[in-house]
Protein backbone atom coordinates (compact mmCIF):
# COMPACT_ATOMS: atom_id res chain seq x y z
CA UNK A 1 99.64 68.34 130.02
CA UNK A 2 98.09 71.78 130.15
CA UNK A 3 99.97 74.65 131.81
CA UNK A 4 97.66 76.58 134.14
CA UNK A 5 97.48 80.37 133.99
CA UNK A 6 98.85 82.34 136.92
CA UNK A 7 95.95 83.25 139.21
CA UNK A 8 96.19 87.03 138.63
CA UNK A 9 96.10 86.49 134.90
CA UNK A 10 93.24 84.01 135.04
CA UNK A 11 91.06 86.37 137.10
CA UNK A 12 91.91 89.34 134.86
CA UNK A 13 91.08 87.55 131.61
CA UNK A 14 87.66 86.57 132.94
CA UNK A 15 86.70 90.26 132.76
CA UNK A 16 86.92 90.30 128.94
CA UNK A 17 84.14 88.40 127.18
CA UNK A 18 84.65 86.41 123.98
CA UNK A 19 88.39 86.08 123.94
CA UNK A 20 90.26 82.94 123.04
CA UNK A 21 93.57 82.15 124.59
CA UNK A 22 96.14 79.46 124.11
CA UNK A 23 98.83 78.73 126.65
CA UNK A 24 101.84 78.07 124.45
CA UNK A 25 104.13 77.27 127.36
CA UNK A 26 104.52 78.48 130.94
CA UNK A 27 105.93 81.83 129.76
CA UNK A 28 103.84 82.48 126.63
CA UNK A 29 100.15 83.13 126.13
CA UNK A 30 98.37 83.88 122.85
CA UNK A 31 95.10 85.80 123.06
CA UNK A 32 92.73 86.35 120.14
CA UNK A 33 89.93 88.85 120.55
CA UNK A 34 87.71 91.28 118.69
CA UNK A 35 89.40 94.60 117.93
CA UNK A 36 86.84 96.55 119.99
CA UNK A 37 87.92 94.72 123.16
CA UNK A 38 91.66 95.32 122.85
CA UNK A 39 91.88 98.66 124.75
CA UNK A 40 89.97 97.17 127.71
CA UNK A 41 92.24 94.12 127.71
CA UNK A 42 95.35 96.31 127.67
CA UNK A 43 94.04 98.47 130.52
CA UNK A 44 93.21 95.42 132.62
CA UNK A 45 96.51 93.69 131.93
CA UNK A 46 98.48 96.79 132.80
CA UNK A 47 96.43 97.84 135.82
CA UNK A 48 95.55 94.51 137.43
CA UNK A 49 98.04 91.96 136.18
CA UNK A 50 101.28 93.97 136.05
CA UNK A 51 101.85 93.91 132.29
CA UNK A 52 103.79 97.16 132.27
CA UNK A 53 106.00 96.52 129.25
CA UNK A 54 104.75 96.78 125.67
CA UNK A 55 107.57 94.98 123.86
CA UNK A 56 106.29 95.52 120.32
CA UNK A 57 103.32 95.83 118.02
CA UNK A 58 103.56 93.68 114.92
CA UNK A 59 101.52 93.81 111.75
CA UNK A 60 100.73 91.05 109.25
CA UNK A 61 99.16 91.67 105.85
CA UNK A 62 96.63 88.92 105.01
CA UNK A 63 95.67 89.55 101.35
CA UNK A 64 93.38 86.48 101.16
CA UNK A 65 91.07 87.91 103.83
CA UNK A 66 91.78 91.58 102.99
CA UNK A 67 92.76 92.22 106.62
CA UNK A 68 95.66 93.31 108.76
CA UNK A 69 96.49 91.40 111.89
CA UNK A 70 97.88 93.55 114.69
CA UNK A 71 99.74 91.73 117.46
CA UNK A 72 100.45 93.48 120.75
CA UNK A 73 103.33 91.85 122.65
CA UNK A 74 103.18 92.48 126.41
CA UNK A 75 105.56 91.37 129.16
CA UNK A 76 105.05 91.20 132.90
CA UNK A 77 108.12 91.27 135.11
CA UNK A 78 105.98 89.93 137.97
CA UNK A 79 104.17 87.10 136.17
CA UNK A 80 107.12 86.49 133.81
CA UNK A 81 104.85 85.72 130.92
CA UNK A 82 104.69 87.16 127.41
CA UNK A 83 101.21 87.80 126.09
CA UNK A 84 100.60 88.22 122.36
CA UNK A 85 97.17 89.81 121.85
CA UNK A 86 95.95 89.33 118.24
CA UNK A 87 93.26 91.40 116.54
CA UNK A 88 92.18 91.77 112.92
CA UNK A 89 91.18 94.99 111.21
CA UNK A 90 89.83 95.48 107.69
CA UNK A 91 92.49 96.51 105.20
CA UNK A 92 90.10 99.10 103.86
CA UNK A 93 90.06 101.62 105.51
CA UNK A 94 93.14 100.31 107.41
CA UNK A 95 92.47 102.32 110.56
CA UNK A 96 92.65 101.51 114.24
CA UNK A 97 92.87 103.47 117.47
CA UNK A 98 96.17 104.41 119.06
CA UNK A 99 96.97 102.82 122.41
CA UNK A 100 99.59 105.47 123.17
CA UNK A 101 97.55 106.65 126.14
CA UNK A 102 97.86 103.16 127.68
CA UNK A 103 101.44 102.34 126.62
CA UNK A 104 103.69 105.25 125.63
CA UNK A 105 106.04 103.09 123.49
CA UNK A 106 103.08 102.36 121.22
CA UNK A 107 103.77 105.71 119.50
CA UNK A 108 106.93 104.34 117.89
CA UNK A 109 105.41 101.01 116.85
CA UNK A 110 102.26 102.63 115.45
CA UNK A 111 104.30 105.11 113.44
CA UNK A 112 106.41 102.28 112.02
CA UNK A 113 103.34 100.21 111.08
CA UNK A 114 101.76 103.25 109.45
CA UNK A 115 104.88 103.86 107.38
CA UNK A 116 105.45 100.25 106.35
CA UNK A 117 101.86 98.94 106.00
CA UNK A 118 99.72 102.08 105.68
CA UNK A 119 97.62 101.44 108.82
CA UNK A 120 96.52 104.76 110.33
CA UNK A 121 96.19 104.96 114.10
CA UNK A 122 93.51 107.42 115.26
CA UNK A 123 94.78 109.65 118.06
CA UNK A 124 98.46 108.82 117.50
CA UNK A 125 101.01 111.51 118.27
CA UNK A 126 102.80 111.44 114.93
CA UNK A 127 102.15 109.51 111.73
CA UNK A 128 104.90 111.23 109.69
CA UNK A 129 107.54 109.03 108.02
CA UNK A 130 110.77 108.63 109.94
CA UNK A 131 112.59 105.95 107.94
CA UNK A 132 111.20 106.41 104.43
CA UNK A 133 111.36 110.20 104.42
CA UNK A 134 112.04 110.35 100.66
CA UNK A 135 109.59 107.57 99.76
CA UNK A 136 106.63 108.28 97.52
CA UNK A 137 105.52 104.75 96.72
CA UNK A 138 102.97 102.47 98.35
CA UNK A 139 103.70 100.97 101.78
CA UNK A 140 106.58 98.59 101.07
CA UNK A 141 105.63 95.81 103.50
CA UNK A 142 102.31 95.06 101.81
CA UNK A 143 102.38 91.66 100.17
CA UNK A 144 100.98 93.27 97.02
CA UNK A 145 104.05 95.52 96.76
CA UNK A 146 106.53 94.50 94.07
CA UNK A 147 109.96 96.04 94.52
CA UNK A 148 110.90 95.03 90.96
CA UNK A 149 107.85 96.81 89.49
CA UNK A 150 108.45 99.84 91.70
CA UNK A 151 112.05 100.15 90.51
CA UNK A 152 111.02 99.75 86.85
CA UNK A 153 108.33 102.43 87.18
CA UNK A 154 110.39 104.85 89.27
CA UNK A 155 113.90 104.75 87.91
CA UNK A 156 115.33 104.95 84.42
CA UNK A 157 117.62 102.12 83.37
CA UNK A 158 121.11 103.12 82.39
CA UNK A 159 124.13 101.07 81.53
CA UNK A 160 126.62 100.88 84.33
CA UNK A 161 130.12 100.50 83.02
CA UNK A 162 132.70 102.08 85.33
CA UNK A 163 136.41 101.97 84.44
CA UNK A 164 137.19 99.37 87.12
CA UNK A 165 134.61 97.00 85.60
CA UNK A 166 136.06 97.51 82.09
CA UNK A 167 139.50 96.57 83.46
CA UNK A 168 138.12 93.34 84.93
CA UNK A 169 136.34 92.46 81.67
CA UNK A 170 139.50 93.13 79.63
CA UNK A 171 141.32 90.61 81.86
CA UNK A 172 138.70 87.95 81.14
CA UNK A 173 136.33 88.62 84.05
CA UNK A 174 132.62 89.10 83.56
CA UNK A 175 129.46 90.17 85.26
CA UNK A 176 127.25 87.22 86.12
CA UNK A 177 123.52 87.87 86.03
């Protein structure tokens, strides 16, 4: 049994050519489209279909295809449906346009994605680090990032033997590795 789209959503989506959508259930819709069409889709969804709430922007690193997948999660309080709009961008150069001018909360999500994945959003308000302010390594959420290698290259190994640990060892306790 296929769940029909609400009429306002159906008529709005007809204005964007070459998009694929999957109704996941009556409150969830997945849309896949070319990256160039995303701003128009967001404008139409916000202006015509009442999708006023950008819940999140997610990023997925796909090393096999050398791409990032950006997923824009939108909620309509009127239609009561969550839309996940999926686009792919090349990992090199890892750039996309900011949608801050359409959805103000995008500024936070874009800044986070830039910090964690290295994607740069053209026209964004601020791409400065806000969590990893003392970080000088590669973006840590890339699948190619190895935290073990980073630690080995960045920090010097030193024996850790505090007095409290010596007391435990003297009483027969041990560190299990």
